Amino acid sequence: MLKSQKPAVNPNYQRIWQTVQAIPYSKVACYGQIADLAGLPGKARLVGKALGKVPEEGWQGQQVPWYRVINSQGKISFPLESEFFARQRDLLQDEQVVVIGNRIKLKNFQWLPDLAELLFKLDY
């Protein structure tokens, strides 16, 4: 491989990143929800892995708002005392998402897209 070439990106990661990019400002989604919307049912752990592999420069010219993805209990998955937890919490709070302890009330902040929204935003 030439130095200027980047390694091929897993196509499932691309689907996940595109789906995460569709989460609106001040909303959150769960790992399993993103997997389902990306056409990868049962692959919630793959979502976490893909979010850990997002290029620093983003994907397709846009940042991937990884911090809007939380677990199915409405919690930030990082350990409470970690720098990653603090970063995710702060980014969510900057978007007016209320984080109490490590929990977000899904009934208030969960993204529930309708079919029309998905058809126009996702191209897979």
N, C-alpha and C. Protein backbone atom coordinates (compact mmCIF):
# COMPACT_ATOMS: atom_id res chain seq x y z
N MET A 1 0.85 -1.18 0.00
CA MET A 1 0.00 0.00 0.00
C MET A 1 0.89 1.24 0.00
N LEU A 2 0.57 2.20 -0.82
CA LEU A 2 1.29 3.46 -0.86
C LEU A 2 0.98 4.26 0.39
N LYS A 3 1.93 5.10 0.80
CA LYS A 3 1.71 5.89 2.01
C LYS A 3 0.48 6.78 1.92
N SER A 4 0.18 7.30 0.72
CA SER A 4 -0.94 8.22 0.58
C SER A 4 -2.30 7.51 0.60
N GLN A 5 -2.28 6.19 0.42
CA GLN A 5 -3.54 5.45 0.42
C GLN A 5 -3.96 5.13 1.84
N LYS A 6 -5.24 5.27 2.11
CA LYS A 6 -5.77 4.89 3.41
C LYS A 6 -6.34 3.49 3.29
N PRO A 7 -6.31 2.73 4.38
CA PRO A 7 -6.90 1.39 4.31
C PRO A 7 -8.40 1.48 4.06
N ALA A 8 -8.93 0.46 3.43
CA ALA A 8 -10.37 0.43 3.15
C ALA A 8 -11.14 0.42 4.47
N VAL A 9 -12.25 1.14 4.48
CA VAL A 9 -13.08 1.22 5.68
C VAL A 9 -14.18 0.16 5.59
N ASN A 10 -14.41 -0.50 6.69
CA ASN A 10 -15.47 -1.50 6.78
C ASN A 10 -16.80 -0.87 6.34
N PRO A 11 -17.49 -1.44 5.35
CA PRO A 11 -18.75 -0.85 4.88
C PRO A 11 -19.82 -0.79 5.98
N ASN A 12 -19.79 -1.70 6.93
CA ASN A 12 -20.75 -1.63 8.04
C ASN A 12 -20.47 -0.41 8.91
N TYR A 13 -19.19 -0.07 9.09
CA TYR A 13 -18.85 1.13 9.84
C TYR A 13 -19.42 2.35 9.14
N GLN A 14 -19.30 2.39 7.82
CA GLN A 14 -19.82 3.53 7.06
C GLN A 14 -21.33 3.68 7.26
N ARG A 15 -22.05 2.57 7.25
CA ARG A 15 -23.50 2.62 7.48
C ARG A 15 -23.81 3.17 8.87
N ILE A 16 -23.04 2.71 9.84
CA ILE A 16 -23.23 3.16 11.22
C ILE A 16 -22.93 4.65 11.33
N TRP A 17 -21.82 5.09 10.77
CA TRP A 17 -21.46 6.51 10.85
C TRP A 17 -22.51 7.38 10.19
N GLN A 18 -23.01 6.95 9.04
CA GLN A 18 -24.03 7.74 8.35
C GLN A 18 -25.30 7.82 9.20
N THR A 19 -25.66 6.73 9.83
CA THR A 19 -26.85 6.71 10.69
C THR A 19 -26.66 7.64 11.89
N VAL A 20 -25.50 7.60 12.51
CA VAL A 20 -25.22 8.46 13.66
C VAL A 20 -25.23 9.92 13.24
N GLN A 21 -24.76 10.22 12.04
CA GLN A 21 -24.79 11.60 11.55
C GLN A 21 -26.23 12.12 11.42
N ALA A 22 -27.19 11.22 11.30
CA ALA A 22 -28.59 11.63 11.15
C ALA A 22 -29.26 11.98 12.49
N ILE A 23 -28.63 11.63 13.61
CA ILE A 23 -29.22 11.96 14.91
C ILE A 23 -29.24 13.48 15.06
N PRO A 24 -30.41 14.06 15.28
CA PRO A 24 -30.49 15.53 15.39
C PRO A 24 -29.83 16.07 16.65
N TYR A 25 -29.48 17.33 16.56
CA TYR A 25 -28.97 18.10 17.70
C TYR A 25 -29.92 17.92 18.89
N SER A 26 -29.39 17.72 20.06
CA SER A 26 -30.10 17.58 21.33
C SER A 26 -30.93 16.31 21.45
N LYS A 27 -30.62 15.31 20.62
CA LYS A 27 -31.27 14.00 20.72
C LYS A 27 -30.20 12.94 20.91
N VAL A 28 -30.60 11.78 21.44
CA VAL A 28 -29.70 10.65 21.61
C VAL A 28 -30.36 9.41 21.01
N ALA A 29 -29.54 8.41 20.75
CA ALA A 29 -30.02 7.11 20.27
C ALA A 29 -29.22 6.03 20.99
N CYS A 30 -29.78 4.85 21.06
CA CYS A 30 -29.10 3.72 21.71
C CYS A 30 -28.32 2.92 20.68
N TYR A 31 -27.31 2.22 21.16
CA TYR A 31 -26.46 1.41 20.28
C TYR A 31 -27.30 0.45 19.43
N GLY A 32 -28.22 -0.26 20.06
CA GLY A 32 -29.06 -1.22 19.33
C GLY A 32 -29.97 -0.54 18.33
N GLN A 33 -30.47 0.63 18.67
CA GLN A 33 -31.32 1.40 17.77
C GLN A 33 -30.53 1.79 16.51
N ILE A 34 -29.29 2.23 16.70
CA ILE A 34 -28.45 2.60 15.55
C ILE A 34 -28.17 1.37 14.70
N ALA A 35 -27.89 0.25 15.33
CA ALA A 35 -27.66 -0.99 14.58
C ALA A 35 -28.88 -1.34 13.74
N ASP A 36 -30.06 -1.28 14.33
CA ASP A 36 -31.29 -1.58 13.60
C ASP A 36 -31.50 -0.63 12.43
N LEU A 37 -31.34 0.66 12.67
CA LEU A 37 -31.55 1.66 11.62
C LEU A 37 -30.52 1.54 10.50
N ALA A 38 -29.34 1.05 10.84
CA ALA A 38 -28.29 0.87 9.84
C ALA A 38 -28.43 -0.45 9.09
N GLY A 39 -29.49 -1.20 9.40
CA GLY A 39 -29.70 -2.49 8.74
C GLY A 39 -28.81 -3.59 9.28
N LEU A 40 -28.41 -3.44 10.54
CA LEU A 40 -27.53 -4.41 11.18
C LEU A 40 -28.13 -4.87 12.51
N PRO A 41 -29.33 -5.44 12.48
CA PRO A 41 -29.99 -5.82 13.74
C PRO A 41 -29.14 -6.78 14.56
N GLY A 42 -29.17 -6.56 15.86
CA GLY A 42 -28.42 -7.43 16.77
C GLY A 42 -26.93 -7.09 16.85
N LYS A 43 -26.51 -6.00 16.24
CA LYS A 43 -25.09 -5.65 16.18
C LYS A 43 -24.77 -4.40 17.00
N ALA A 44 -25.37 -4.27 18.18
CA ALA A 44 -25.14 -3.08 19.02
C ALA A 44 -23.66 -2.94 19.37
N ARG A 45 -22.97 -4.05 19.63
CA ARG A 45 -21.55 -3.96 19.96
C ARG A 45 -20.72 -3.48 18.79
N LEU A 46 -21.15 -3.83 17.58
CA LEU A 46 -20.46 -3.34 16.38
C LEU A 46 -20.57 -1.82 16.29
N VAL A 47 -21.70 -1.28 16.72
CA VAL A 47 -21.87 0.18 16.73
C VAL A 47 -20.82 0.82 17.63
N GLY A 48 -20.64 0.28 18.83
CA GLY A 48 -19.62 0.80 19.73
C GLY A 48 -18.24 0.71 19.13
N LYS A 49 -17.94 -0.40 18.50
CA LYS A 49 -16.63 -0.58 17.86
C LYS A 49 -16.45 0.43 16.73
N ALA A 50 -17.48 0.60 15.90
CA ALA A 50 -17.39 1.54 14.77
C ALA A 50 -17.19 2.97 15.26
N LEU A 51 -17.87 3.34 16.35
CA LEU A 51 -17.72 4.70 16.87
C LEU A 51 -16.31 4.94 17.41
N GLY A 52 -15.68 3.88 17.87
CA GLY A 52 -14.29 4.00 18.31
C GLY A 52 -13.31 4.13 17.16
N LYS A 53 -13.76 3.88 15.95
CA LYS A 53 -12.90 3.94 14.76
C LYS A 53 -13.19 5.13 13.85
N VAL A 54 -14.02 6.06 14.31
CA VAL A 54 -14.34 7.23 13.48
C VAL A 54 -13.06 8.02 13.23
N PRO A 55 -12.75 8.32 11.97
CA PRO A 55 -11.56 9.14 11.70
C PRO A 55 -11.70 10.52 12.35
N GLU A 56 -10.57 11.05 12.81
CA GLU A 56 -10.59 12.37 13.47
C GLU A 56 -11.17 13.45 12.59
N GLU A 57 -10.93 13.35 11.29
CA GLU A 57 -11.44 14.36 10.37
C GLU A 57 -12.91 14.15 10.03
N GLY A 58 -13.52 13.13 10.62
CA GLY A 58 -14.93 12.84 10.34
C GLY A 58 -15.06 11.88 9.18
N TRP A 59 -16.25 11.80 8.64
CA TRP A 59 -16.52 10.89 7.53
C TRP A 59 -17.33 11.65 6.49
N GLN A 60 -16.90 11.57 5.25
CA GLN A 60 -17.53 12.27 4.13
C GLN A 60 -17.69 13.77 4.42
N GLY A 61 -16.64 14.33 4.99
CA GLY A 61 -16.63 15.77 5.21
C GLY A 61 -17.43 16.26 6.41
N GLN A 62 -17.99 15.35 7.19
CA GLN A 62 -18.79 15.75 8.36
C GLN A 62 -18.30 15.02 9.60
N GLN A 63 -18.43 15.68 10.72
CA GLN A 63 -18.12 15.01 11.98
C GLN A 63 -19.20 13.97 12.28
N VAL A 64 -18.84 12.96 13.02
CA VAL A 64 -19.79 11.93 13.44
C VAL A 64 -20.05 12.17 14.93
N PRO A 65 -21.27 12.56 15.30
CA PRO A 65 -21.55 12.90 16.70
C PRO A 65 -21.70 11.65 17.58
N TRP A 66 -20.60 10.96 17.77
CA TRP A 66 -20.54 9.71 18.53
C TRP A 66 -21.15 9.85 19.92
N TYR A 67 -21.03 11.04 20.50
CA TYR A 67 -21.47 11.28 21.87
C TYR A 67 -22.99 11.22 22.02
N ARG A 68 -23.73 11.24 20.92
CA ARG A 68 -25.19 11.15 20.98
C ARG A 68 -25.68 9.70 21.10
N VAL A 69 -24.77 8.75 21.16
CA VAL A 69 -25.14 7.34 21.26
C VAL A 69 -24.87 6.86 22.69
N ILE A 70 -25.91 6.31 23.31
CA ILE A 70 -25.83 5.84 24.69
C ILE A 70 -26.40 4.42 24.77
N ASN A 71 -26.33 3.82 25.95
CA ASN A 71 -26.83 2.44 26.05
C ASN A 71 -28.36 2.40 26.22
N SER A 72 -28.90 1.22 26.16
CA SER A 72 -30.36 1.05 26.15
C SER A 72 -31.04 1.41 27.47
N GLN A 73 -30.25 1.56 28.54
CA GLN A 73 -30.81 2.01 29.81
C GLN A 73 -30.79 3.53 29.93
N GLY A 74 -30.34 4.20 28.87
CA GLY A 74 -30.27 5.65 28.90
C GLY A 74 -29.03 6.17 29.60
N LYS A 75 -28.00 5.34 29.67
CA LYS A 75 -26.78 5.71 30.38
C LYS A 75 -25.60 5.89 29.44
N ILE A 76 -24.70 6.76 29.85
CA ILE A 76 -23.40 6.87 29.20
C ILE A 76 -22.62 5.63 29.61
N SER A 77 -22.02 4.96 28.65
CA SER A 77 -21.38 3.67 28.93
C SER A 77 -19.97 3.77 29.50
N PHE A 78 -19.34 4.91 29.41
CA PHE A 78 -17.99 5.05 29.96
C PHE A 78 -18.04 5.07 31.48
N PRO A 79 -16.97 4.62 32.14
CA PRO A 79 -16.92 4.70 33.61
C PRO A 79 -17.06 6.16 34.08
N LEU A 80 -17.79 6.35 35.16
CA LEU A 80 -18.11 7.70 35.66
C LEU A 80 -16.88 8.59 35.88
N GLU A 81 -15.79 8.04 36.30
CA GLU A 81 -14.62 8.84 36.62
C GLU A 81 -13.67 9.03 35.44
N SER A 82 -14.04 8.53 34.26
CA SER A 82 -13.13 8.59 33.12
C SER A 82 -13.22 9.93 32.39
N GLU A 83 -12.16 10.26 31.69
CA GLU A 83 -12.15 11.48 30.89
C GLU A 83 -13.14 11.36 29.73
N PHE A 84 -13.35 10.14 29.21
CA PHE A 84 -14.30 9.94 28.12
C PHE A 84 -15.73 10.19 28.58
N PHE A 85 -16.05 9.76 29.81
CA PHE A 85 -17.37 10.03 30.37
C PHE A 85 -17.60 11.54 30.44
N ALA A 86 -16.63 12.25 31.01
CA ALA A 86 -16.76 13.71 31.17
C ALA A 86 -16.91 14.39 29.82
N ARG A 87 -16.17 13.93 28.84
CA ARG A 87 -16.26 14.54 27.50
C ARG A 87 -17.64 14.31 26.89
N GLN A 88 -18.15 13.07 26.97
CA GLN A 88 -19.47 12.78 26.41
C GLN A 88 -20.55 13.56 27.15
N ARG A 89 -20.50 13.57 28.46
CA ARG A 89 -21.48 14.32 29.25
C ARG A 89 -21.47 15.80 28.88
N ASP A 90 -20.28 16.37 28.79
CA ASP A 90 -20.17 17.80 28.48
C ASP A 90 -20.70 18.12 27.09
N LEU A 91 -20.39 17.27 26.12
CA LEU A 91 -20.89 17.50 24.76
C LEU A 91 -22.42 17.40 24.71
N LEU A 92 -22.98 16.45 25.43
CA LEU A 92 -24.44 16.33 25.47
C LEU A 92 -25.06 17.54 26.17
N GLN A 93 -24.49 17.95 27.28
CA GLN A 93 -25.03 19.10 28.00
C GLN A 93 -24.90 20.38 27.19
N ASP A 94 -23.86 20.48 26.35
CA ASP A 94 -23.73 21.63 25.46
C ASP A 94 -24.91 21.71 24.49
N GLU A 95 -25.55 20.56 24.23
CA GLU A 95 -26.71 20.50 23.34
C GLU A 95 -28.02 20.50 24.13
N GLN A 96 -27.98 20.86 25.40
CA GLN A 96 -29.13 20.93 26.28
C GLN A 96 -29.76 19.56 26.58
N VAL A 97 -28.99 18.50 26.43
CA VAL A 97 -29.44 17.18 26.87
C VAL A 97 -29.13 17.09 28.36
N VAL A 98 -30.14 16.79 29.16
CA VAL A 98 -29.97 16.74 30.61
C VAL A 98 -29.37 15.39 30.99
N VAL A 99 -28.22 15.45 31.65
CA VAL A 99 -27.53 14.25 32.14
C VAL A 99 -27.50 14.34 33.65
N ILE A 100 -28.15 13.39 34.30
CA ILE A 100 -28.17 13.34 35.77
C ILE A 100 -27.41 12.09 36.17
N GLY A 101 -26.28 12.28 36.85
CA GLY A 101 -25.38 11.16 37.13
C GLY A 101 -24.78 10.72 35.82
N ASN A 102 -25.16 9.55 35.36
CA ASN A 102 -24.73 9.09 34.03
C ASN A 102 -25.93 8.76 33.15
N ARG A 103 -27.10 9.26 33.52
CA ARG A 103 -28.35 8.86 32.87
C ARG A 103 -29.02 10.03 32.14
N ILE A 104 -29.62 9.67 31.00
CA ILE A 104 -30.41 10.59 30.19
C ILE A 104 -31.81 10.00 30.12
N LYS A 105 -32.84 10.79 30.34
CA LYS A 105 -34.21 10.28 30.23
C LYS A 105 -34.55 10.09 28.75
N LEU A 106 -34.65 8.83 28.35
CA LEU A 106 -34.93 8.53 26.95
C LEU A 106 -36.26 9.09 26.50
N LYS A 107 -37.25 9.10 27.38
CA LYS A 107 -38.57 9.61 26.96
C LYS A 107 -38.51 11.08 26.58
N ASN A 108 -37.50 11.81 27.08
CA ASN A 108 -37.35 13.23 26.76
C ASN A 108 -36.40 13.50 25.60
N PHE A 109 -35.39 12.65 25.42
CA PHE A 109 -34.32 12.99 24.50
C PHE A 109 -34.04 11.95 23.41
N GLN A 110 -34.74 10.81 23.42
CA GLN A 110 -34.44 9.79 22.42
C GLN A 110 -34.94 10.20 21.04
N TRP A 111 -34.10 10.00 20.06
CA TRP A 111 -34.44 10.25 18.66
C TRP A 111 -35.35 9.12 18.18
N LEU A 112 -36.51 9.49 17.71
CA LEU A 112 -37.47 8.53 17.17
C LEU A 112 -37.82 8.98 15.75
N PRO A 113 -36.96 8.64 14.78
CA PRO A 113 -37.18 9.14 13.41
C PRO A 113 -38.37 8.47 12.75
N ASP A 114 -39.02 9.20 11.86
CA ASP A 114 -40.07 8.56 11.08
C ASP A 114 -39.46 8.08 9.76
N LEU A 115 -40.17 7.26 9.05
CA LEU A 115 -39.67 6.63 7.84
C LEU A 115 -39.25 7.67 6.80
N ALA A 116 -40.02 8.72 6.65
CA ALA A 116 -39.70 9.75 5.65
C ALA A 116 -38.36 10.40 5.97
N GLU A 117 -38.10 10.67 7.24
CA GLU A 117 -36.83 11.27 7.65
C GLU A 117 -35.67 10.36 7.25
N LEU A 118 -35.82 9.09 7.49
CA LEU A 118 -34.74 8.14 7.18
C LEU A 118 -34.54 8.00 5.67
N LEU A 119 -35.61 7.98 4.92
CA LEU A 119 -35.50 7.82 3.48
C LEU A 119 -34.71 8.95 2.83
N PHE A 120 -34.83 10.16 3.38
CA PHE A 120 -34.12 11.30 2.80
C PHE A 120 -32.71 11.46 3.33
N LYS A 121 -32.42 10.91 4.51
CA LYS A 121 -31.09 11.10 5.11
C LYS A 121 -30.13 9.96 4.86
N LEU A 122 -30.62 8.75 4.73
CA LEU A 122 -29.75 7.58 4.59
C LEU A 122 -29.77 7.06 3.16
N ASP A 123 -28.60 6.76 2.63
CA ASP A 123 -28.55 6.33 1.24
C ASP A 123 -28.04 4.90 1.07
N TYR A 124 -28.42 4.02 1.94
CA TYR A 124 -28.06 2.61 1.77
C TYR A 124 -29.29 1.75 1.80
